Every structure is written in C-alpha cells, then in structure tokens.
Amino acid sequence: EADKTYLAQIKLGVSTATADAEGEVLATKAVEVSAEQLAAALH
C-alpha cells in the first residue's frame, strides 16, 4: 500500500499501443516542445 518512487524516461513524438517501448508504434509526430511548454504541462 506504500507510496513508490520511480525514475521514468519518456520519449516524445512516438505513441505506442502499450504506452511503453514494448508496444507497436501507432503514430509518430515531430517534437517542437519548449522547456516552458513542458513545465506548464507537467504542472
């Protein structure tokens, strides 16, 4: 039941069926994300 802590690496621009690196690639897009846009999204 305890809280867990993770270090997660995320790849932008590629969507997969399983939402991880093991899944079939569903779509790819160019990545044009600024540090400010990322910070706002993470909030």
PDB file of all heavy atoms in Angstrom:
ATOM      1  N   GLU A   1       0.806  -1.213   0.000  1.00  0.00           N
ATOM      2  CA  GLU A   1       0.000   0.000   0.000  1.00  0.00           C
ATOM      3  C   GLU A   1       0.841   1.266   0.000  1.00  0.00           C
ATOM      4  O   GLU A   1       0.325   2.365  -0.231  1.00  0.00           O
ATOM      5  CB  GLU A   1      -0.911   0.021   1.238  1.00  0.00           C
ATOM      6  CG  GLU A   1      -1.939  -1.096   1.279  1.00  0.00           C
ATOM      7  CD  GLU A   1      -3.031  -0.921   0.234  1.00  0.00           C
ATOM      8  OE1 GLU A   1      -3.325   0.228  -0.116  1.00  0.00           O
ATOM      9  OE2 GLU A   1      -3.550  -1.945  -0.258  1.00  0.00           O
ATOM     10  N   ALA A   2       2.142   1.142   0.246  1.00  0.00           N
ATOM     11  CA  ALA A   2       3.005   2.307   0.426  1.00  0.00           C
ATOM     12  C   ALA A   2       3.212   3.078  -0.868  1.00  0.00           C
ATOM     13  O   ALA A   2       3.063   2.548  -1.973  1.00  0.00           O
ATOM     14  CB  ALA A   2       4.360   1.864   0.982  1.00  0.00           C
ATOM     15  N   ASP A   3       3.576   4.351  -0.736  1.00  0.00           N
ATOM     16  CA  ASP A   3       3.950   5.158  -1.885  1.00  0.00           C
ATOM     17  C   ASP A   3       5.217   4.591  -2.516  1.00  0.00           C
ATOM     18  O   ASP A   3       6.065   4.004  -1.826  1.00  0.00           O
ATOM     19  CB  ASP A   3       4.204   6.607  -1.462  1.00  0.00           C
ATOM     20  CG  ASP A   3       2.955   7.286  -0.937  1.00  0.00           C
ATOM     21  OD1 ASP A   3       1.842   6.857  -1.298  1.00  0.00           O
ATOM     22  OD2 ASP A   3       3.090   8.253  -0.156  1.00  0.00           O
ATOM     23  N   LYS A   4       5.336   4.774  -3.826  1.00  0.00           N
ATOM     24  CA  LYS A   4       6.514   4.317  -4.566  1.00  0.00           C
ATOM     25  C   LYS A   4       7.162   5.505  -5.270  1.00  0.00           C
ATOM     26  O   LYS A   4       6.487   6.484  -5.604  1.00  0.00           O
ATOM     27  CB  LYS A   4       6.122   3.257  -5.610  1.00  0.00           C
ATOM     28  CG  LYS A   4       5.277   2.096  -5.094  1.00  0.00           C
ATOM     29  CD  LYS A   4       5.998   1.236  -4.102  1.00  0.00           C
ATOM     30  CE  LYS A   4       5.260  -0.063  -3.786  1.00  0.00           C
ATOM     31  NZ  LYS A   4       3.904   0.114  -3.249  1.00  0.00           N
ATOM     32  N   THR A   5       8.473   5.403  -5.494  1.00  0.00           N
ATOM     33  CA  THR A   5       9.205   6.440  -6.219  1.00  0.00           C
ATOM     34  C   THR A   5       9.876   5.816  -7.431  1.00  0.00           C
ATOM     35  O   THR A   5      10.453   4.723  -7.343  1.00  0.00           O
ATOM     36  CB  THR A   5      10.266   7.112  -5.326  1.00  0.00           C
ATOM     37  OG1 THR A   5       9.611   7.719  -4.200  1.00  0.00           O
ATOM     38  CG2 THR A   5      11.017   8.197  -6.087  1.00  0.00           C
ATOM     39  N   TYR A   6       9.775   6.496  -8.564  1.00  0.00           N
ATOM     40  CA  TYR A   6      10.308   5.985  -9.827  1.00  0.00           C
ATOM     41  C   TYR A   6      11.141   7.051 -10.529  1.00  0.00           C
ATOM     42  O   TYR A   6      10.889   8.252 -10.384  1.00  0.00           O
ATOM     43  CB  TYR A   6       9.174   5.577 -10.773  1.00  0.00           C
ATOM     44  CG  TYR A   6       8.280   4.490 -10.257  1.00  0.00           C
ATOM     45  CD1 TYR A   6       7.122   4.792  -9.544  1.00  0.00           C
ATOM     46  CD2 TYR A   6       8.571   3.146 -10.485  1.00  0.00           C
ATOM     47  CE1 TYR A   6       6.284   3.787  -9.071  1.00  0.00           C
ATOM     48  CE2 TYR A   6       7.743   2.144 -10.018  1.00  0.00           C
ATOM     49  CZ  TYR A   6       6.606   2.467  -9.317  1.00  0.00           C
ATOM     50  OH  TYR A   6       5.773   1.472  -8.845  1.00  0.00           O
ATOM     51  N   LEU A   7      12.094   6.594 -11.317  1.00  0.00           N
ATOM     52  CA  LEU A   7      12.775   7.438 -12.284  1.00  0.00           C
ATOM     53  C   LEU A   7      12.296   6.973 -13.656  1.00  0.00           C
ATOM     54  O   LEU A   7      12.531   5.823 -14.049  1.00  0.00           O
ATOM     55  CB  LEU A   7      14.294   7.312 -12.172  1.00  0.00           C
ATOM     56  CG  LEU A   7      15.095   8.212 -13.112  1.00  0.00           C
ATOM     57  CD1 LEU A   7      14.812   9.687 -12.819  1.00  0.00           C
ATOM     58  CD2 LEU A   7      16.588   7.941 -12.989  1.00  0.00           C
ATOM     59  N   ALA A   8      11.582   7.849 -14.364  1.00  0.00           N
ATOM     60  CA  ALA A   8      10.963   7.489 -15.634  1.00  0.00           C
ATOM     61  C   ALA A   8      11.595   8.284 -16.768  1.00  0.00           C
ATOM     62  O   ALA A   8      11.716   9.501 -16.690  1.00  0.00           O
ATOM     63  CB  ALA A   8       9.466   7.778 -15.587  1.00  0.00           C
ATOM     64  N   GLN A   9      11.983   7.574 -17.830  1.00  0.00           N
ATOM     65  CA  GLN A   9      12.429   8.235 -19.051  1.00  0.00           C
ATOM     66  C   GLN A   9      11.304   8.168 -20.069  1.00  0.00           C
ATOM     67  O   GLN A   9      10.724   7.097 -20.297  1.00  0.00           O
ATOM     68  CB  GLN A   9      13.687   7.573 -19.602  1.00  0.00           C
ATOM     69  CG  GLN A   9      14.923   7.778 -18.740  1.00  0.00           C
ATOM     70  CD  GLN A   9      16.186   7.300 -19.437  1.00  0.00           C
ATOM     71  OE1 GLN A   9      16.313   7.400 -20.656  1.00  0.00           O
ATOM     72  NE2 GLN A   9      17.123   6.785 -18.656  1.00  0.00           N
ATOM     73  N   ILE A  10      10.993   9.295 -20.669  1.00  0.00           N
ATOM     74  CA  ILE A  10       9.868   9.411 -21.598  1.00  0.00           C
ATOM     75  C   ILE A  10      10.373   9.872 -22.955  1.00  0.00           C
ATOM     76  O   ILE A  10      11.199  10.788 -23.046  1.00  0.00           O
ATOM     77  CB  ILE A  10       8.817  10.391 -21.045  1.00  0.00           C
ATOM     78  CG1 ILE A  10       8.217   9.835 -19.746  1.00  0.00           C
ATOM     79  CG2 ILE A  10       7.724  10.661 -22.068  1.00  0.00           C
ATOM     80  CD1 ILE A  10       7.304  10.795 -19.020  1.00  0.00           C
ATOM     81  N   LYS A  11       9.889   9.201 -24.000  1.00  0.00           N
ATOM     82  CA  LYS A  11      10.226   9.562 -25.377  1.00  0.00           C
ATOM     83  C   LYS A  11       9.037  10.276 -26.003  1.00  0.00           C
ATOM     84  O   LYS A  11       7.942   9.724 -26.088  1.00  0.00           O
ATOM     85  CB  LYS A  11      10.554   8.297 -26.168  1.00  0.00           C
ATOM     86  CG  LYS A  11      10.572   8.511 -27.678  1.00  0.00           C
ATOM     87  CD  LYS A  11      11.946   8.593 -28.202  1.00  0.00           C
ATOM     88  CE  LYS A  11      11.943   8.544 -29.731  1.00  0.00           C
ATOM     89  NZ  LYS A  11      12.692   9.649 -30.295  1.00  0.00           N
ATOM     90  N   LEU A  12       9.244  11.509 -26.402  1.00  0.00           N
ATOM     91  CA  LEU A  12       8.198  12.294 -27.044  1.00  0.00           C
ATOM     92  C   LEU A  12       8.153  11.999 -28.541  1.00  0.00           C
ATOM     93  O   LEU A  12       9.148  11.594 -29.141  1.00  0.00           O
ATOM     94  CB  LEU A  12       8.448  13.786 -26.826  1.00  0.00           C
ATOM     95  CG  LEU A  12       8.527  14.284 -25.378  1.00  0.00           C
ATOM     96  CD1 LEU A  12       8.847  15.771 -25.353  1.00  0.00           C
ATOM     97  CD2 LEU A  12       7.242  13.998 -24.623  1.00  0.00           C
ATOM     98  N   GLY A  13       6.979  12.207 -29.131  1.00  0.00           N
ATOM     99  CA  GLY A  13       6.845  12.087 -30.575  1.00  0.00           C
ATOM    100  C   GLY A  13       6.474  10.718 -31.090  1.00  0.00           C
ATOM    101  O   GLY A  13       6.229  10.552 -32.287  1.00  0.00           O
ATOM    102  N   VAL A  14       6.422   9.721 -30.211  1.00  0.00           N
ATOM    103  CA  VAL A  14       6.091   8.353 -30.626  1.00  0.00           C
ATOM    104  C   VAL A  14       5.048   7.785 -29.664  1.00  0.00           C
ATOM    105  O   VAL A  14       5.305   7.667 -28.468  1.00  0.00           O
ATOM    106  CB  VAL A  14       7.328   7.438 -30.650  1.00  0.00           C
ATOM    107  CG1 VAL A  14       6.939   6.031 -31.078  1.00  0.00           C
ATOM    108  CG2 VAL A  14       8.415   7.997 -31.560  1.00  0.00           C
ATOM    109  N   SER A  15       3.881   7.440 -30.191  1.00  0.00           N
ATOM    110  CA  SER A  15       2.828   6.804 -29.400  1.00  0.00           C
ATOM    111  C   SER A  15       2.821   5.311 -29.688  1.00  0.00           C
ATOM    112  O   SER A  15       2.967   4.904 -30.849  1.00  0.00           O
ATOM    113  CB  SER A  15       1.455   7.386 -29.751  1.00  0.00           C
ATOM    114  OG  SER A  15       1.430   8.780 -29.549  1.00  0.00           O
ATOM    115  N   THR A  16       2.665   4.492 -28.663  1.00  0.00           N
ATOM    116  CA  THR A  16       2.641   3.037 -28.848  1.00  0.00           C
ATOM    117  C   THR A  16       1.371   2.441 -28.248  1.00  0.00           C
ATOM    118  O   THR A  16       0.707   3.058 -27.408  1.00  0.00           O
ATOM    119  CB  THR A  16       3.868   2.362 -28.193  1.00  0.00           C
ATOM    120  OG1 THR A  16       3.726   2.389 -26.766  1.00  0.00           O
ATOM    121  CG2 THR A  16       5.164   3.058 -28.597  1.00  0.00           C
ATOM    122  N   ALA A  17       1.056   1.226 -28.653  1.00  0.00           N
ATOM    123  CA  ALA A  17      -0.169   0.554 -28.210  1.00  0.00           C
ATOM    124  C   ALA A  17      -0.164   0.286 -26.715  1.00  0.00           C
ATOM    125  O   ALA A  17      -1.215   0.287 -26.075  1.00  0.00           O
ATOM    126  CB  ALA A  17      -0.348  -0.748 -28.977  1.00  0.00           C
ATOM    127  N   THR A  18       1.005   0.052 -26.148  1.00  0.00           N
ATOM    128  CA  THR A  18       1.107  -0.272 -24.727  1.00  0.00           C
ATOM    129  C   THR A  18       1.537   0.916 -23.883  1.00  0.00           C
ATOM    130  O   THR A  18       1.662   0.794 -22.670  1.00  0.00           O
ATOM    131  CB  THR A  18       2.113  -1.418 -24.515  1.00  0.00           C
ATOM    132  OG1 THR A  18       3.377  -1.028 -25.072  1.00  0.00           O
ATOM    133  CG2 THR A  18       1.643  -2.694 -25.185  1.00  0.00           C
ATOM    134  N   ALA A  19       1.801   2.054 -24.507  1.00  0.00           N
ATOM    135  CA  ALA A  19       2.293   3.272 -23.847  1.00  0.00           C
ATOM    136  C   ALA A  19       3.703   3.094 -23.305  1.00  0.00           C
ATOM    137  O   ALA A  19       4.168   3.905 -22.511  1.00  0.00           O
ATOM    138  CB  ALA A  19       1.351   3.735 -22.737  1.00  0.00           C
ATOM    139  N   ASP A  20       4.398   2.018 -23.734  1.00  0.00           N
ATOM    140  CA  ASP A  20       5.800   1.861 -23.368  1.00  0.00           C
ATOM    141  C   ASP A  20       6.591   1.412 -24.592  1.00  0.00           C
ATOM    142  O   ASP A  20       6.043   1.286 -25.694  1.00  0.00           O
ATOM    143  CB  ASP A  20       5.976   0.896 -22.189  1.00  0.00           C
ATOM    144  CG  ASP A  20       5.499  -0.525 -22.493  1.00  0.00           C
ATOM    145  OD1 ASP A  20       5.374  -0.879 -23.676  1.00  0.00           O
ATOM    146  OD2 ASP A  20       5.248  -1.276 -21.532  1.00  0.00           O
ATOM    147  N   ALA A  21       7.877   1.148 -24.392  1.00  0.00           N
ATOM    148  CA  ALA A  21       8.762   0.859 -25.520  1.00  0.00           C
ATOM    149  C   ALA A  21       8.511  -0.502 -26.147  1.00  0.00           C
ATOM    150  O   ALA A  21       9.021  -0.788 -27.233  1.00  0.00           O
ATOM    151  CB  ALA A  21      10.221   0.960 -25.061  1.00  0.00           C
ATOM    152  N   GLU A  22       7.734  -1.348 -25.479  1.00  0.00           N
ATOM    153  CA  GLU A  22       7.497  -2.700 -25.963  1.00  0.00           C
ATOM    154  C   GLU A  22       6.388  -2.763 -27.004  1.00  0.00           C
ATOM    155  O   GLU A  22       6.291  -3.720 -27.784  1.00  0.00           O
ATOM    156  CB  GLU A  22       7.156  -3.614 -24.786  1.00  0.00           C
ATOM    157  CG  GLU A  22       7.189  -5.085 -25.103  1.00  0.00           C
ATOM    158  CD  GLU A  22       6.992  -5.937 -23.852  1.00  0.00           C
ATOM    159  OE1 GLU A  22       6.149  -5.561 -23.015  1.00  0.00           O
ATOM    160  OE2 GLU A  22       7.700  -6.941 -23.704  1.00  0.00           O
ATOM    161  N   GLY A  23       5.527  -1.751 -27.039  1.00  0.00           N
ATOM    162  CA  GLY A  23       4.340  -1.820 -27.857  1.00  0.00           C
ATOM    163  C   GLY A  23       4.535  -1.407 -29.305  1.00  0.00           C
ATOM    164  O   GLY A  23       5.524  -0.760 -29.676  1.00  0.00           O
ATOM    165  N   GLU A  24       3.564  -1.785 -30.120  1.00  0.00           N
ATOM    166  CA  GLU A  24       3.548  -1.421 -31.534  1.00  0.00           C
ATOM    167  C   GLU A  24       3.421   0.095 -31.665  1.00  0.00           C
ATOM    168  O   GLU A  24       2.623   0.737 -30.961  1.00  0.00           O
ATOM    169  CB  GLU A  24       2.361  -2.098 -32.216  1.00  0.00           C
ATOM    170  CG  GLU A  24       2.145  -1.703 -33.662  1.00  0.00           C
ATOM    171  CD  GLU A  24       0.822  -2.206 -34.212  1.00  0.00           C
ATOM    172  OE1 GLU A  24       0.093  -2.890 -33.453  1.00  0.00           O
ATOM    173  OE2 GLU A  24       0.524  -1.901 -35.381  1.00  0.00           O
ATOM    174  N   VAL A  25       4.206   0.676 -32.560  1.00  0.00           N
ATOM    175  CA  VAL A  25       4.140   2.112 -32.797  1.00  0.00           C
ATOM    176  C   VAL A  25       2.847   2.445 -33.520  1.00  0.00           C
ATOM    177  O   VAL A  25       2.530   1.875 -34.568  1.00  0.00           O
ATOM    178  CB  VAL A  25       5.352   2.605 -33.614  1.00  0.00           C
ATOM    179  CG1 VAL A  25       5.185   4.077 -33.991  1.00  0.00           C
ATOM    180  CG2 VAL A  25       6.642   2.404 -32.823  1.00  0.00           C
ATOM    181  N   LEU A  26       2.059   3.372 -32.942  1.00  0.00           N
ATOM    182  CA  LEU A  26       0.775   3.764 -33.524  1.00  0.00           C
ATOM    183  C   LEU A  26       0.875   5.048 -34.329  1.00  0.00           C
ATOM    184  O   LEU A  26       0.164   5.221 -35.321  1.00  0.00           O
ATOM    185  CB  LEU A  26      -0.265   3.939 -32.414  1.00  0.00           C
ATOM    186  CG  LEU A  26      -0.574   2.715 -31.548  1.00  0.00           C
ATOM    187  CD1 LEU A  26      -1.587   3.073 -30.479  1.00  0.00           C
ATOM    188  CD2 LEU A  26      -1.071   1.558 -32.405  1.00  0.00           C
ATOM    189  N   ALA A  27       1.746   5.960 -33.894  1.00  0.00           N
ATOM    190  CA  ALA A  27       1.865   7.256 -34.574  1.00  0.00           C
ATOM    191  C   ALA A  27       3.188   7.902 -34.218  1.00  0.00           C
ATOM    192  O   ALA A  27       3.725   7.691 -33.124  1.00  0.00           O
ATOM    193  CB  ALA A  27       0.706   8.176 -34.178  1.00  0.00           C
ATOM    194  N   THR A  28       3.698   8.686 -35.138  1.00  0.00           N
ATOM    195  CA  THR A  28       4.900   9.489 -34.874  1.00  0.00           C
ATOM    196  C   THR A  28       4.620  10.929 -35.298  1.00  0.00           C
ATOM    197  O   THR A  28       3.913  11.176 -36.288  1.00  0.00           O
ATOM    198  CB  THR A  28       6.123   8.963 -35.641  1.00  0.00           C
ATOM    199  OG1 THR A  28       5.845   8.988 -37.047  1.00  0.00           O
ATOM    200  CG2 THR A  28       6.463   7.545 -35.219  1.00  0.00           C
ATOM    201  N   LYS A  29       5.149  11.874 -34.542  1.00  0.00           N
ATOM    202  CA  LYS A  29       4.983  13.295 -34.845  1.00  0.00           C
ATOM    203  C   LYS A  29       6.280  14.025 -34.540  1.00  0.00           C
ATOM    204  O   LYS A  29       7.059  13.603 -33.675  1.00  0.00           O
ATOM    205  CB  LYS A  29       3.846  13.896 -34.011  1.00  0.00           C
ATOM    206  CG  LYS A  29       2.451  13.514 -34.466  1.00  0.00           C
ATOM    207  CD  LYS A  29       1.403  14.326 -33.716  1.00  0.00           C
ATOM    208  CE  LYS A  29      -0.002  14.005 -34.197  1.00  0.00           C
ATOM    209  NZ  LYS A  29      -1.027  14.816 -33.494  1.00  0.00           N
ATOM    210  N   ALA A  30       6.470  15.122 -35.219  1.00  0.00           N
ATOM    211  CA  ALA A  30       7.623  15.975 -34.928  1.00  0.00           C
ATOM    212  C   ALA A  30       7.459  16.578 -33.540  1.00  0.00           C
ATOM    213  O   ALA A  30       6.339  16.873 -33.093  1.00  0.00           O
ATOM    214  CB  ALA A  30       7.726  17.075 -35.972  1.00  0.00           C
ATOM    215  N   VAL A  31       8.567  16.744 -32.854  1.00  0.00           N
ATOM    216  CA  VAL A  31       8.546  17.285 -31.494  1.00  0.00           C
ATOM    217  C   VAL A  31       9.056  18.718 -31.523  1.00  0.00           C
ATOM    218  O   VAL A  31      10.212  18.982 -31.866  1.00  0.00           O
ATOM    219  CB  VAL A  31       9.412  16.431 -30.545  1.00  0.00           C
ATOM    220  CG1 VAL A  31       9.432  17.036 -29.150  1.00  0.00           C
ATOM    221  CG2 VAL A  31       8.894  15.002 -30.500  1.00  0.00           C
ATOM    222  N   GLU A  32       8.175  19.620 -31.177  1.00  0.00           N
ATOM    223  CA  GLU A  32       8.538  21.034 -31.077  1.00  0.00           C
ATOM    224  C   GLU A  32       8.019  21.550 -29.742  1.00  0.00           C
ATOM    225  O   GLU A  32       7.050  22.297 -29.670  1.00  0.00           O
ATOM    226  CB  GLU A  32       7.946  21.826 -32.248  1.00  0.00           C
ATOM    227  CG  GLU A  32       8.466  21.384 -33.617  1.00  0.00           C
ATOM    228  CD  GLU A  32       7.810  22.131 -34.753  1.00  0.00           C
ATOM    229  OE1 GLU A  32       6.901  22.942 -34.483  1.00  0.00           O
ATOM    230  OE2 GLU A  32       8.204  21.905 -35.917  1.00  0.00           O
ATOM    231  N   VAL A  33       8.658  21.100 -28.683  1.00  0.00           N
ATOM    232  CA  VAL A  33       8.227  21.403 -27.319  1.00  0.00           C
ATOM    233  C   VAL A  33       9.309  22.211 -26.629  1.00  0.00           C
ATOM    234  O   VAL A  33      10.469  21.789 -26.562  1.00  0.00           O
ATOM    235  CB  VAL A  33       7.943  20.108 -26.533  1.00  0.00           C
ATOM    236  CG1 VAL A  33       7.590  20.434 -25.085  1.00  0.00           C
ATOM    237  CG2 VAL A  33       6.824  19.313 -27.188  1.00  0.00           C
ATOM    238  N   SER A  34       8.946  23.339 -26.103  1.00  0.00           N
ATOM    239  CA  SER A  34       9.893  24.174 -25.365  1.00  0.00           C
ATOM    240  C   SER A  34       9.914  23.765 -23.898  1.00  0.00           C
ATOM    241  O   SER A  34       9.003  23.080 -23.414  1.00  0.00           O
ATOM    242  CB  SER A  34       9.502  25.653 -25.475  1.00  0.00           C
ATOM    243  OG  SER A  34       8.286  25.892 -24.775  1.00  0.00           O
ATOM    244  N   ALA A  35      10.934  24.204 -23.188  1.00  0.00           N
ATOM    245  CA  ALA A  35      11.025  23.927 -21.753  1.00  0.00           C
ATOM    246  C   ALA A  35       9.848  24.530 -21.013  1.00  0.00           C
ATOM    247  O   ALA A  35       9.331  23.940 -20.053  1.00  0.00           O
ATOM    248  CB  ALA A  35      12.346  24.473 -21.206  1.00  0.00           C
ATOM    249  N   GLU A  36       9.386  25.700 -21.469  1.00  0.00           N
ATOM    250  CA  GLU A  36       8.253  26.359 -20.824  1.00  0.00           C
ATOM    251  C   GLU A  36       6.963  25.570 -21.048  1.00  0.00           C
ATOM    252  O   GLU A  36       6.148  25.423 -20.129  1.00  0.00           O
ATOM    253  CB  GLU A  36       8.102  27.790 -21.359  1.00  0.00           C
ATOM    254  CG  GLU A  36       9.222  28.751 -20.973  1.00  0.00           C
ATOM    255  CD  GLU A  36      10.509  28.503 -21.743  1.00  0.00           C
ATOM    256  OE1 GLU A  36      10.447  27.863 -22.829  1.00  0.00           O
ATOM    257  OE2 GLU A  36      11.572  28.928 -21.260  1.00  0.00           O
ATOM    258  N   GLN A  37       6.779  25.065 -22.254  1.00  0.00           N
ATOM    259  CA  GLN A  37       5.586  24.256 -22.544  1.00  0.00           C
ATOM    260  C   GLN A  37       5.586  22.965 -21.721  1.00  0.00           C
ATOM    261  O   GLN A  37       4.547  22.540 -21.213  1.00  0.00           O
ATOM    262  CB  GLN A  37       5.538  23.919 -24.040  1.00  0.00           C
ATOM    263  CG  GLN A  37       5.193  25.095 -24.930  1.00  0.00           C
ATOM    264  CD  GLN A  37       5.338  24.755 -26.407  1.00  0.00           C
ATOM    265  OE1 GLN A  37       6.306  24.101 -26.803  1.00  0.00           O
ATOM    266  NE2 GLN A  37       4.383  25.179 -27.213  1.00  0.00           N
ATOM    267  N   LEU A  38       6.748  22.352 -21.602  1.00  0.00           N
ATOM    268  CA  LEU A  38       6.847  21.126 -20.812  1.00  0.00           C
ATOM    269  C   LEU A  38       6.541  21.400 -19.353  1.00  0.00           C
ATOM    270  O   LEU A  38       5.776  20.656 -18.714  1.00  0.00           O
ATOM    271  CB  LEU A  38       8.242  20.518 -20.957  1.00  0.00           C
ATOM    272  CG  LEU A  38       8.517  19.257 -20.124  1.00  0.00           C
ATOM    273  CD1 LEU A  38       7.540  18.138 -20.492  1.00  0.00           C
ATOM    274  CD2 LEU A  38       9.949  18.795 -20.310  1.00  0.00           C
ATOM    275  N   ALA A  39       7.103  22.470 -18.792  1.00  0.00           N
ATOM    276  CA  ALA A  39       6.861  22.805 -17.387  1.00  0.00           C
ATOM    277  C   ALA A  39       5.378  23.054 -17.133  1.00  0.00           C
ATOM    278  O   ALA A  39       4.823  22.609 -16.117  1.00  0.00           O
ATOM    279  CB  ALA A  39       7.683  24.031 -17.001  1.00  0.00           C
ATOM    280  N   ALA A  40       4.711  23.729 -18.066  1.00  0.00           N
ATOM    281  CA  ALA A  40       3.284  24.004 -17.908  1.00  0.00           C
ATOM    282  C   ALA A  40       2.479  22.719 -17.967  1.00  0.00           C
ATOM    283  O   ALA A  40       1.525  22.523 -17.198  1.00  0.00           O
ATOM    284  CB  ALA A  40       2.820  24.978 -18.988  1.00  0.00           C
ATOM    285  N   ALA A  41       2.839  21.814 -18.867  1.00  0.00           N
ATOM    286  CA  ALA A  41       2.116  20.547 -18.990  1.00  0.00           C
ATOM    287  C   ALA A  41       2.308  19.673 -17.753  1.00  0.00           C
ATOM    288  O   ALA A  41       1.370  19.026 -17.285  1.00  0.00           O
ATOM    289  CB  ALA A  41       2.574  19.806 -20.239  1.00  0.00           C
ATOM    290  N   LEU A  42       3.510  19.646 -17.232  1.00  0.00           N
ATOM    291  CA  LEU A  42       3.798  18.808 -16.065  1.00  0.00           C
ATOM    292  C   LEU A  42       3.026  19.255 -14.835  1.00  0.00           C
ATOM    293  O   LEU A  42       2.728  18.448 -13.939  1.00  0.00           O
ATOM    294  CB  LEU A  42       5.295  18.822 -15.764  1.00  0.00           C
ATOM    295  CG  LEU A  42       6.182  18.064 -16.756  1.00  0.00           C
ATOM    296  CD1 LEU A  42       7.655  18.261 -16.398  1.00  0.00           C
ATOM    297  CD2 LEU A  42       5.840  16.586 -16.788  1.00  0.00           C
ATOM    298  N   HIS A  43       2.701  20.526 -14.756  1.00  0.00           N
ATOM    299  CA  HIS A  43       2.000  21.053 -13.583  1.00  0.00           C
ATOM    300  C   HIS A  43       0.677  20.319 -13.350  1.00  0.00           C
ATOM    301  O   HIS A  43       0.263  20.103 -12.205  1.00  0.00           O
ATOM    302  CB  HIS A  43       1.745  22.554 -13.761  1.00  0.00           C
ATOM    303  CG  HIS A  43       1.080  23.186 -12.575  1.00  0.00           C
ATOM    304  ND1 HIS A  43       1.733  23.393 -11.370  1.00  0.00           N
ATOM    305  CD2 HIS A  43      -0.199  23.625 -12.400  1.00  0.00           C
ATOM    306  CE1 HIS A  43       0.893  23.941 -10.500  1.00  0.00           C
ATOM    307  NE2 HIS A  43      -0.281  24.102 -11.105  1.00  0.00           N
TER     308      HIS A  43
END
